[in-house]
Amino acid sequence: YELIEGRKTDPKEGSYTSYLFDKGIDKILKKVGEECTEVVIAAKGGDRDETIFEIADLTYHVLVLMAEYGITLNDIRGQLASRHVVDKKVKQEKMQ
């Protein structure tokens, strides 16, 4: 994350990360969407190695998105920690 953040504040020529920041939020969001789809396709195909590869790509692009908006890993950790352990939908299903 720090490396990605650094590319935002100090762009490097030839850096893909710097390119994404230069192109802006629409390009970043397009890549996040593409990578989401590729994760789904790889997982649906049952290819574990390809799924790992695509999850890594998705994670990278989500980190770029986070840096673009100034969202930190601690922000995400805090959000996850604040959630209830039992999902509301799961709880509803158990109550029926």
PDB file of N, CA and C in Angstrom:
ATOM      1  N   TYR A   1       0.826  -1.188   0.000  1.00  0.00           N
ATOM      2  CA  TYR A   1       0.000   0.000   0.000  1.00  0.00           C
ATOM      3  C   TYR A   1       0.872   1.254   0.000  1.00  0.00           C
ATOM      4  N   GLU A   2       1.938   1.229   0.781  1.00  0.00           N
ATOM      5  CA  GLU A   2       2.815   2.400   0.850  1.00  0.00           C
ATOM      6  C   GLU A   2       3.468   2.681  -0.501  1.00  0.00           C
ATOM      7  N   LEU A   3       3.856   1.632  -1.209  1.00  0.00           N
ATOM      8  CA  LEU A   3       4.444   1.807  -2.536  1.00  0.00           C
ATOM      9  C   LEU A   3       3.422   2.425  -3.490  1.00  0.00           C
ATOM     10  N   ILE A   4       2.218   1.928  -3.458  1.00  0.00           N
ATOM     11  CA  ILE A   4       1.152   2.463  -4.305  1.00  0.00           C
ATOM     12  C   ILE A   4       0.886   3.920  -3.948  1.00  0.00           C
ATOM     13  N   GLU A   5       0.774   4.197  -2.688  1.00  0.00           N
ATOM     14  CA  GLU A   5       0.551   5.564  -2.224  1.00  0.00           C
ATOM     15  C   GLU A   5       1.679   6.495  -2.693  1.00  0.00           C
ATOM     16  N   GLY A   6       2.890   5.982  -2.647  1.00  0.00           N
ATOM     17  CA  GLY A   6       4.045   6.763  -3.089  1.00  0.00           C
ATOM     18  C   GLY A   6       3.985   7.107  -4.564  1.00  0.00           C
ATOM     19  N   ARG A   7       3.429   6.235  -5.370  1.00  0.00           N
ATOM     20  CA  ARG A   7       3.298   6.504  -6.806  1.00  0.00           C
ATOM     21  C   ARG A   7       2.284   7.608  -7.067  1.00  0.00           C
ATOM     22  N   LYS A   8       1.359   7.786  -6.135  1.00  0.00           N
ATOM     23  CA  LYS A   8       0.369   8.866  -6.266  1.00  0.00           C
ATOM     24  C   LYS A   8       1.027  10.213  -5.994  1.00  0.00           C
ATOM     25  N   THR A   9       1.849  10.261  -4.960  1.00  0.00           N
ATOM     26  CA  THR A   9       2.484  11.526  -4.577  1.00  0.00           C
ATOM     27  C   THR A   9       3.764  11.801  -5.349  1.00  0.00           C
ATOM     28  N   ASP A  10       4.417  10.734  -5.808  1.00  0.00           N
ATOM     29  CA  ASP A  10       5.675  10.891  -6.545  1.00  0.00           C
ATOM     30  C   ASP A  10       5.665   9.949  -7.751  1.00  0.00           C
ATOM     31  N   PRO A  11       4.966  10.352  -8.815  1.00  0.00           N
ATOM     32  CA  PRO A  11       4.836   9.478  -9.992  1.00  0.00           C
ATOM     33  C   PRO A  11       6.194   9.123 -10.596  1.00  0.00           C
ATOM     34  N   LYS A  12       6.286   7.899 -11.073  1.00  0.00           N
ATOM     35  CA  LYS A  12       7.500   7.414 -11.745  1.00  0.00           C
ATOM     36  C   LYS A  12       7.167   7.110 -13.201  1.00  0.00           C
ATOM     37  N   GLU A  13       8.018   7.574 -14.098  1.00  0.00           N
ATOM     38  CA  GLU A  13       7.816   7.311 -15.510  1.00  0.00           C
ATOM     39  C   GLU A  13       7.881   5.808 -15.771  1.00  0.00           C
ATOM     40  N   GLY A  14       6.923   5.319 -16.544  1.00  0.00           N
ATOM     41  CA  GLY A  14       6.884   3.900 -16.871  1.00  0.00           C
ATOM     42  C   GLY A  14       6.180   3.043 -15.833  1.00  0.00           C
ATOM     43  N   SER A  15       5.751   3.632 -14.733  1.00  0.00           N
ATOM     44  CA  SER A  15       5.050   2.894 -13.683  1.00  0.00           C
ATOM     45  C   SER A  15       3.580   2.735 -14.045  1.00  0.00           C
ATOM     46  N   TYR A  16       3.098   1.492 -14.008  1.00  0.00           N
ATOM     47  CA  TYR A  16       1.683   1.231 -14.280  1.00  0.00           C
ATOM     48  C   TYR A  16       0.806   1.909 -13.230  1.00  0.00           C
ATOM     49  N   THR A  17       1.244   1.895 -11.995  1.00  0.00           N
ATOM     50  CA  THR A  17       0.490   2.530 -10.913  1.00  0.00           C
ATOM     51  C   THR A  17       0.374   4.028 -11.159  1.00  0.00           C
ATOM     52  N   SER A  18       1.474   4.659 -11.527  1.00  0.00           N
ATOM     53  CA  SER A  18       1.442   6.093 -11.840  1.00  0.00           C
ATOM     54  C   SER A  18       0.508   6.361 -13.015  1.00  0.00           C
ATOM     55  N   TYR A  19       0.533   5.473 -14.001  1.00  0.00           N
ATOM     56  CA  TYR A  19      -0.365   5.586 -15.163  1.00  0.00           C
ATOM     57  C   TYR A  19      -1.824   5.581 -14.717  1.00  0.00           C
ATOM     58  N   LEU A  20      -2.179   4.654 -13.821  1.00  0.00           N
ATOM     59  CA  LEU A  20      -3.559   4.584 -13.347  1.00  0.00           C
ATOM     60  C   LEU A  20      -3.968   5.878 -12.646  1.00  0.00           C
ATOM     61  N   PHE A  21      -3.108   6.391 -11.782  1.00  0.00           N
ATOM     62  CA  PHE A  21      -3.423   7.642 -11.092  1.00  0.00           C
ATOM     63  C   PHE A  21      -3.556   8.789 -12.085  1.00  0.00           C
ATOM     64  N   ASP A  22      -2.697   8.811 -13.083  1.00  0.00           N
ATOM     65  CA  ASP A  22      -2.739   9.860 -14.099  1.00  0.00           C
ATOM     66  C   ASP A  22      -4.038   9.813 -14.897  1.00  0.00           C
ATOM     67  N   LYS A  23      -4.518   8.606 -15.210  1.00  0.00           N
ATOM     68  CA  LYS A  23      -5.750   8.447 -15.993  1.00  0.00           C
ATOM     69  C   LYS A  23      -6.990   8.775 -15.166  1.00  0.00           C
ATOM     70  N   GLY A  24      -6.897   8.615 -13.851  1.00  0.00           N
ATOM     71  CA  GLY A  24      -7.995   9.027 -12.977  1.00  0.00           C
ATOM     72  C   GLY A  24      -8.937   7.921 -12.550  1.00  0.00           C
ATOM     73  N   ILE A  25      -9.951   8.349 -11.840  1.00  0.00           N
ATOM     74  CA  ILE A  25     -10.856   7.425 -11.161  1.00  0.00           C
ATOM     75  C   ILE A  25     -11.621   6.523 -12.129  1.00  0.00           C
ATOM     76  N   ASP A  26     -12.002   7.044 -13.286  1.00  0.00           N
ATOM     77  CA  ASP A  26     -12.742   6.199 -14.227  1.00  0.00           C
ATOM     78  C   ASP A  26     -11.916   4.995 -14.675  1.00  0.00           C
ATOM     79  N   LYS A  27     -10.642   5.205 -14.955  1.00  0.00           N
ATOM     80  CA  LYS A  27      -9.756   4.108 -15.370  1.00  0.00           C
ATOM     81  C   LYS A  27      -9.557   3.128 -14.211  1.00  0.00           C
ATOM     82  N   ILE A  28      -9.361   3.655 -13.021  1.00  0.00           N
ATOM     83  CA  ILE A  28      -9.162   2.803 -11.843  1.00  0.00           C
ATOM     84  C   ILE A  28     -10.400   1.940 -11.618  1.00  0.00           C
ATOM     85  N   LEU A  29     -11.572   2.547 -11.675  1.00  0.00           N
ATOM     86  CA  LEU A  29     -12.812   1.799 -11.467  1.00  0.00           C
ATOM     87  C   LEU A  29     -13.040   0.764 -12.562  1.00  0.00           C
ATOM     88  N   LYS A  30     -12.699   1.102 -13.790  1.00  0.00           N
ATOM     89  CA  LYS A  30     -12.816   0.145 -14.895  1.00  0.00           C
ATOM     90  C   LYS A  30     -11.959  -1.085 -14.620  1.00  0.00           C
ATOM     91  N   LYS A  31     -10.740  -0.874 -14.147  1.00  0.00           N
ATOM     92  CA  LYS A  31      -9.846  -1.993 -13.854  1.00  0.00           C
ATOM     93  C   LYS A  31     -10.363  -2.824 -12.684  1.00  0.00           C
ATOM     94  N   VAL A  32     -10.893  -2.179 -11.647  1.00  0.00           N
ATOM     95  CA  VAL A  32     -11.463  -2.924 -10.521  1.00  0.00           C
ATOM     96  C   VAL A  32     -12.604  -3.802 -11.022  1.00  0.00           C
ATOM     97  N   GLY A  33     -13.469  -3.247 -11.849  1.00  0.00           N
ATOM     98  CA  GLY A  33     -14.582  -4.026 -12.398  1.00  0.00           C
ATOM     99  C   GLY A  33     -14.116  -5.197 -13.238  1.00  0.00           C
ATOM    100  N   GLU A  34     -13.135  -4.957 -14.094  1.00  0.00           N
ATOM    101  CA  GLU A  34     -12.599  -6.032 -14.935  1.00  0.00           C
ATOM    102  C   GLU A  34     -12.006  -7.151 -14.076  1.00  0.00           C
ATOM    103  N   GLU A  35     -11.256  -6.760 -13.077  1.00  0.00           N
ATOM    104  CA  GLU A  35     -10.605  -7.764 -12.223  1.00  0.00           C
ATOM    105  C   GLU A  35     -11.633  -8.544 -11.412  1.00  0.00           C
ATOM    106  N   CYS A  36     -12.706  -7.891 -10.969  1.00  0.00           N
ATOM    107  CA  CYS A  36     -13.783  -8.616 -10.268  1.00  0.00           C
ATOM    108  C   CYS A  36     -14.340  -9.720 -11.152  1.00  0.00           C
ATOM    109  N   THR A  37     -14.612  -9.371 -12.395  1.00  0.00           N
ATOM    110  CA  THR A  37     -15.156 -10.346 -13.340  1.00  0.00           C
ATOM    111  C   THR A  37     -14.179 -11.491 -13.563  1.00  0.00           C
ATOM    112  N   GLU A  38     -12.901 -11.174 -13.680  1.00  0.00           N
ATOM    113  CA  GLU A  38     -11.899 -12.218 -13.914  1.00  0.00           C
ATOM    114  C   GLU A  38     -11.774 -13.157 -12.722  1.00  0.00           C
ATOM    115  N   VAL A  39     -11.949 -12.635 -11.505  1.00  0.00           N
ATOM    116  CA  VAL A  39     -11.944 -13.495 -10.315  1.00  0.00           C
ATOM    117  C   VAL A  39     -13.115 -14.464 -10.384  1.00  0.00           C
ATOM    118  N   VAL A  40     -14.283 -13.962 -10.724  1.00  0.00           N
ATOM    119  CA  VAL A  40     -15.473 -14.802 -10.802  1.00  0.00           C
ATOM    120  C   VAL A  40     -15.289 -15.898 -11.853  1.00  0.00           C
ATOM    121  N   ILE A  41     -14.783 -15.532 -13.020  1.00  0.00           N
ATOM    122  CA  ILE A  41     -14.587 -16.509 -14.093  1.00  0.00           C
ATOM    123  C   ILE A  41     -13.580 -17.578 -13.678  1.00  0.00           C
ATOM    124  N   ALA A  42     -12.462 -17.167 -13.086  1.00  0.00           N
ATOM    125  CA  ALA A  42     -11.438 -18.129 -12.662  1.00  0.00           C
ATOM    126  C   ALA A  42     -11.981 -19.065 -11.589  1.00  0.00           C
ATOM    127  N   ALA A  43     -12.692 -18.500 -10.613  1.00  0.00           N
ATOM    128  CA  ALA A  43     -13.233 -19.327  -9.533  1.00  0.00           C
ATOM    129  C   ALA A  43     -14.305 -20.278 -10.058  1.00  0.00           C
ATOM    130  N   LYS A  44     -15.156 -19.779 -10.933  1.00  0.00           N
ATOM    131  CA  LYS A  44     -16.214 -20.617 -11.505  1.00  0.00           C
ATOM    132  C   LYS A  44     -15.604 -21.759 -12.315  1.00  0.00           C
ATOM    133  N   GLY A  45     -14.462 -21.495 -12.941  1.00  0.00           N
ATOM    134  CA  GLY A  45     -13.781 -22.525 -13.719  1.00  0.00           C
ATOM    135  C   GLY A  45     -13.043 -23.539 -12.866  1.00  0.00           C
ATOM    136  N   GLY A  46     -12.965 -23.278 -11.564  1.00  0.00           N
ATOM    137  CA  GLY A  46     -12.341 -24.223 -10.648  1.00  0.00           C
ATOM    138  C   GLY A  46     -10.822 -24.249 -10.695  1.00  0.00           C
ATOM    139  N   ASP A  47     -10.223 -23.244 -11.305  1.00  0.00           N
ATOM    140  CA  ASP A  47      -8.763 -23.195 -11.423  1.00  0.00           C
ATOM    141  C   ASP A  47      -8.189 -22.396 -10.247  1.00  0.00           C
ATOM    142  N   ARG A  48      -7.666 -23.111  -9.267  1.00  0.00           N
ATOM    143  CA  ARG A  48      -7.172 -22.476  -8.041  1.00  0.00           C
ATOM    144  C   ARG A  48      -6.044 -21.487  -8.325  1.00  0.00           C
ATOM    145  N   ASP A  49      -5.052 -21.889  -9.113  1.00  0.00           N
ATOM    146  CA  ASP A  49      -3.913 -21.011  -9.395  1.00  0.00           C
ATOM    147  C   ASP A  49      -4.349 -19.754 -10.139  1.00  0.00           C
ATOM    148  N   GLU A  50      -5.238 -19.914 -11.105  1.00  0.00           N
ATOM    149  CA  GLU A  50      -5.748 -18.751 -11.847  1.00  0.00           C
ATOM    150  C   GLU A  50      -6.568 -17.849 -10.924  1.00  0.00           C
ATOM    151  N   THR A  51      -7.320 -18.445 -10.008  1.00  0.00           N
ATOM    152  CA  THR A  51      -8.104 -17.658  -9.059  1.00  0.00           C
ATOM    153  C   THR A  51      -7.185 -16.850  -8.162  1.00  0.00           C
ATOM    154  N   ILE A  52      -6.115 -17.451  -7.684  1.00  0.00           N
ATOM    155  CA  ILE A  52      -5.131 -16.725  -6.862  1.00  0.00           C
ATOM    156  C   ILE A  52      -4.547 -15.561  -7.657  1.00  0.00           C
ATOM    157  N   PHE A  53      -4.172 -15.816  -8.906  1.00  0.00           N
ATOM    158  CA  PHE A  53      -3.602 -14.782  -9.766  1.00  0.00           C
ATOM    159  C   PHE A  53      -4.580 -13.617  -9.924  1.00  0.00           C
ATOM    160  N   GLU A  54      -5.831 -13.931 -10.188  1.00  0.00           N
ATOM    161  CA  GLU A  54      -6.835 -12.882 -10.410  1.00  0.00           C
ATOM    162  C   GLU A  54      -7.183 -12.140  -9.120  1.00  0.00           C
ATOM    163  N   ILE A  55      -7.209 -12.847  -7.996  1.00  0.00           N
ATOM    164  CA  ILE A  55      -7.444 -12.174  -6.708  1.00  0.00           C
ATOM    165  C   ILE A  55      -6.306 -11.202  -6.419  1.00  0.00           C
ATOM    166  N   ALA A  56      -5.079 -11.585  -6.747  1.00  0.00           N
ATOM    167  CA  ALA A  56      -3.944 -10.679  -6.560  1.00  0.00           C
ATOM    168  C   ALA A  56      -4.110  -9.424  -7.411  1.00  0.00           C
ATOM    169  N   ASP A  57      -4.535  -9.594  -8.667  1.00  0.00           N
ATOM    170  CA  ASP A  57      -4.781  -8.434  -9.535  1.00  0.00           C
ATOM    171  C   ASP A  57      -5.888  -7.548  -8.962  1.00  0.00           C
ATOM    172  N   LEU A  58      -6.967  -8.168  -8.506  1.00  0.00           N
ATOM    173  CA  LEU A  58      -8.072  -7.411  -7.923  1.00  0.00           C
ATOM    174  C   LEU A  58      -7.611  -6.652  -6.683  1.00  0.00           C
ATOM    175  N   THR A  59      -6.861  -7.327  -5.829  1.00  0.00           N
ATOM    176  CA  THR A  59      -6.369  -6.699  -4.605  1.00  0.00           C
ATOM    177  C   THR A  59      -5.517  -5.476  -4.925  1.00  0.00           C
ATOM    178  N   TYR A  60      -4.621  -5.628  -5.884  1.00  0.00           N
ATOM    179  CA  TYR A  60      -3.769  -4.505  -6.294  1.00  0.00           C
ATOM    180  C   TYR A  60      -4.627  -3.324  -6.755  1.00  0.00           C
ATOM    181  N   HIS A  61      -5.594  -3.576  -7.629  1.00  0.00           N
ATOM    182  CA  HIS A  61      -6.400  -2.480  -8.160  1.00  0.00           C
ATOM    183  C   HIS A  61      -7.293  -1.857  -7.088  1.00  0.00           C
ATOM    184  N   VAL A  62      -7.762  -2.645  -6.138  1.00  0.00           N
ATOM    185  CA  VAL A  62      -8.530  -2.101  -5.011  1.00  0.00           C
ATOM    186  C   VAL A  62      -7.622  -1.224  -4.152  1.00  0.00           C
ATOM    187  N   LEU A  63      -6.379  -1.624  -3.962  1.00  0.00           N
ATOM    188  CA  LEU A  63      -5.439  -0.789  -3.207  1.00  0.00           C
ATOM    189  C   LEU A  63      -5.194   0.538  -3.920  1.00  0.00           C
ATOM    190  N   VAL A  64      -5.118   0.515  -5.243  1.00  0.00           N
ATOM    191  CA  VAL A  64      -4.974   1.760  -6.007  1.00  0.00           C
ATOM    192  C   VAL A  64      -6.208   2.634  -5.774  1.00  0.00           C
ATOM    193  N   LEU A  65      -7.394   2.042  -5.833  1.00  0.00           N
ATOM    194  CA  LEU A  65      -8.629   2.772  -5.571  1.00  0.00           C
ATOM    195  C   LEU A  65      -8.612   3.383  -4.166  1.00  0.00           C
ATOM    196  N   MET A  66      -8.195   2.593  -3.200  1.00  0.00           N
ATOM    197  CA  MET A  66      -8.114   3.090  -1.828  1.00  0.00           C
ATOM    198  C   MET A  66      -7.182   4.296  -1.732  1.00  0.00           C
ATOM    199  N   ALA A  67      -6.015   4.193  -2.331  1.00  0.00           N
ATOM    200  CA  ALA A  67      -5.056   5.295  -2.293  1.00  0.00           C
ATOM    201  C   ALA A  67      -5.617   6.536  -2.981  1.00  0.00           C
ATOM    202  N   GLU A  68      -6.343   6.335  -4.069  1.00  0.00           N
ATOM    203  CA  GLU A  68      -6.952   7.460  -4.792  1.00  0.00           C
ATOM    204  C   GLU A  68      -7.893   8.250  -3.890  1.00  0.00           C
ATOM    205  N   TYR A  69      -8.629   7.543  -3.032  1.00  0.00           N
ATOM    206  CA  TYR A  69      -9.587   8.180  -2.135  1.00  0.00           C
ATOM    207  C   TYR A  69      -9.050   8.421  -0.719  1.00  0.00           C
ATOM    208  N   GLY A  70      -7.791   8.104  -0.503  1.00  0.00           N
ATOM    209  CA  GLY A  70      -7.214   8.313   0.825  1.00  0.00           C
ATOM    210  C   GLY A  70      -7.748   7.355   1.869  1.00  0.00           C
ATOM    211  N   ILE A  71      -8.193   6.196   1.428  1.00  0.00           N
ATOM    212  CA  ILE A  71      -8.693   5.163   2.337  1.00  0.00           C
ATOM    213  C   ILE A  71      -7.506   4.292   2.727  1.00  0.00           C
ATOM    214  N   THR A  72      -7.308   4.109   4.016  1.00  0.00           N
ATOM    215  CA  THR A  72      -6.167   3.332   4.487  1.00  0.00           C
ATOM    216  C   THR A  72      -6.583   1.910   4.859  1.00  0.00           C
ATOM    217  N   LEU A  73      -5.585   1.071   5.020  1.00  0.00           N
ATOM    218  CA  LEU A  73      -5.855  -0.293   5.480  1.00  0.00           C
ATOM    219  C   LEU A  73      -6.477  -0.269   6.872  1.00  0.00           C
ATOM    220  N   ASN A  74      -6.087   0.697   7.695  1.00  0.00           N
ATOM    221  CA  ASN A  74      -6.687   0.816   9.026  1.00  0.00           C
ATOM    222  C   ASN A  74      -8.163   1.193   8.936  1.00  0.00           C
ATOM    223  N   ASP A  75      -8.531   2.002   7.936  1.00  0.00           N
ATOM    224  CA  ASP A  75      -9.948   2.313   7.730  1.00  0.00           C
ATOM    225  C   ASP A  75     -10.734   1.033   7.462  1.00  0.00           C
ATOM    226  N   ILE A  76     -10.177   0.171   6.628  1.00  0.00           N
ATOM    227  CA  ILE A  76     -10.847  -1.086   6.276  1.00  0.00           C
ATOM    228  C   ILE A  76     -10.898  -2.018   7.487  1.00  0.00           C
ATOM    229  N   ARG A  77      -9.783  -2.122   8.191  1.00  0.00           N
ATOM    230  CA  ARG A  77      -9.763  -2.952   9.413  1.00  0.00           C
ATOM    231  C   ARG A  77     -10.821  -2.479  10.403  1.00  0.00           C
ATOM    232  N   GLY A  78     -10.913  -1.168  10.585  1.00  0.00           N
ATOM    233  CA  GLY A  78     -11.900  -0.606  11.511  1.00  0.00           C
ATOM    234  C   GLY A  78     -13.320  -0.932  11.092  1.00  0.00           C
ATOM    235  N   GLN A  79     -13.584  -0.836   9.800  1.00  0.00           N
ATOM    236  CA  GLN A  79     -14.912  -1.154   9.290  1.00  0.00           C
ATOM    237  C   GLN A  79     -15.254  -2.623   9.532  1.00  0.00           C
ATOM    238  N   LEU A  80     -14.302  -3.493   9.251  1.00  0.00           N
ATOM    239  CA  LEU A  80     -14.540  -4.922   9.470  1.00  0.00           C
ATOM    240  C   LEU A  80     -14.735  -5.235  10.946  1.00  0.00           C
ATOM    241  N   ALA A  81     -13.945  -4.595  11.797  1.00  0.00           N
ATOM    242  CA  ALA A  81     -14.051  -4.836  13.235  1.00  0.00           C
ATOM    243  C   ALA A  81     -15.387  -4.365  13.797  1.00  0.00           C
ATOM    244  N   SER A  82     -15.987  -3.370  13.157  1.00  0.00           N
ATOM    245  CA  SER A  82     -17.241  -2.816  13.670  1.00  0.00           C
ATOM    246  C   SER A  82     -18.468  -3.641  13.279  1.00  0.00           C
ATOM    247  N   ARG A  83     -18.279  -4.570  12.393  1.00  0.00           N
ATOM    248  CA  ARG A  83     -19.418  -5.369  11.927  1.00  0.00           C
ATOM    249  C   ARG A  83     -19.780  -6.461  12.916  1.00  0.00           C
ATOM    250  N   HIS A  84     -21.045  -6.834  12.887  1.00  0.00           N
ATOM    251  CA  HIS A  84     -21.498  -7.929  13.741  1.00  0.00           C
ATOM    252  C   HIS A  84     -20.966  -9.236  13.188  1.00  0.00           C
ATOM    253  N   VAL A  85     -20.708 -10.166  14.077  1.00  0.00           N
ATOM    254  CA  VAL A  85     -20.197 -11.475  13.681  1.00  0.00           C
ATOM    255  C   VAL A  85     -21.223 -12.225  12.858  1.00  0.00           C
ATOM    256  N   VAL A  86     -22.483 -12.118  13.240  1.00  0.00           N
ATOM    257  CA  VAL A  86     -23.549 -12.839  12.544  1.00  0.00           C
ATOM    258  C   VAL A  86     -24.140 -11.916  11.485  1.00  0.00           C
ATOM    259  N   ASP A  87     -24.107 -12.353  10.266  1.00  0.00           N
ATOM    260  CA  ASP A  87     -24.685 -11.617   9.151  1.00  0.00           C
ATOM    261  C   ASP A  87     -26.198 -11.572   9.338  1.00  0.00           C
ATOM    262  N   LYS A  88     -26.812 -10.416   9.075  1.00  0.00           N
ATOM    263  CA  LYS A  88     -28.264 -10.272   9.255  1.00  0.00           C
ATOM    264  C   LYS A  88     -29.039 -11.290   8.432  1.00  0.00           C
ATOM    265  N   LYS A  89     -28.600 -11.544   7.203  1.00  0.00           N
ATOM    266  CA  LYS A  89     -29.305 -12.498   6.349  1.00  0.00           C
ATOM    267  C   LYS A  89     -29.232 -13.904   6.940  1.00  0.00           C
ATOM    268  N   VAL A  90     -28.056 -14.286   7.419  1.00  0.00           N
ATOM    269  CA  VAL A  90     -27.885 -15.613   8.036  1.00  0.00           C
ATOM    270  C   VAL A  90     -28.775 -15.701   9.269  1.00  0.00           C
ATOM    271  N   LYS A  91     -28.805 -14.632  10.065  1.00  0.00           N
ATOM    272  CA  LYS A  91     -29.613 -14.623  11.262  1.00  0.00           C
ATOM    273  C   LYS A  91     -31.094 -14.784  10.904  1.00  0.00           C
ATOM    274  N   GLN A  92     -31.555 -14.093   9.857  1.00  0.00           N
ATOM    275  CA  GLN A  92     -32.942 -14.214   9.424  1.00  0.00           C
ATOM    276  C   GLN A  92     -33.271 -15.633   8.991  1.00  0.00           C
ATOM    277  N   GLU A  93     -32.355 -16.261   8.263  1.00  0.00           N
ATOM    278  CA  GLU A  93     -32.598 -17.619   7.800  1.00  0.00           C
ATOM    279  C   GLU A  93     -32.713 -18.592   8.964  1.00  0.00           C
ATOM    280  N   LYS A  94     -31.909 -18.391   9.992  1.00  0.00           N
ATOM    281  CA  LYS A  94     -31.948 -19.275  11.156  1.00  0.00           C
ATOM    282  C   LYS A  94     -33.225 -19.072  11.945  1.00  0.00           C
ATOM    283  N   MET A  95     -33.778 -17.850  11.931  1.00  0.00           N
ATOM    284  CA  MET A  95     -34.971 -17.566  12.712  1.00  0.00           C
ATOM    285  C   MET A  95     -36.223 -18.136  12.053  1.00  0.00           C
ATOM    286  N   GLN A  96     -36.207 -18.384  10.771  1.00  0.00           N
ATOM    287  CA  GLN A  96     -37.405 -18.853  10.061  1.00  0.00           C
ATOM    288  C   GLN A  96     -37.673 -20.313  10.281  1.00  0.00           C
TER     289      GLN A  96
END
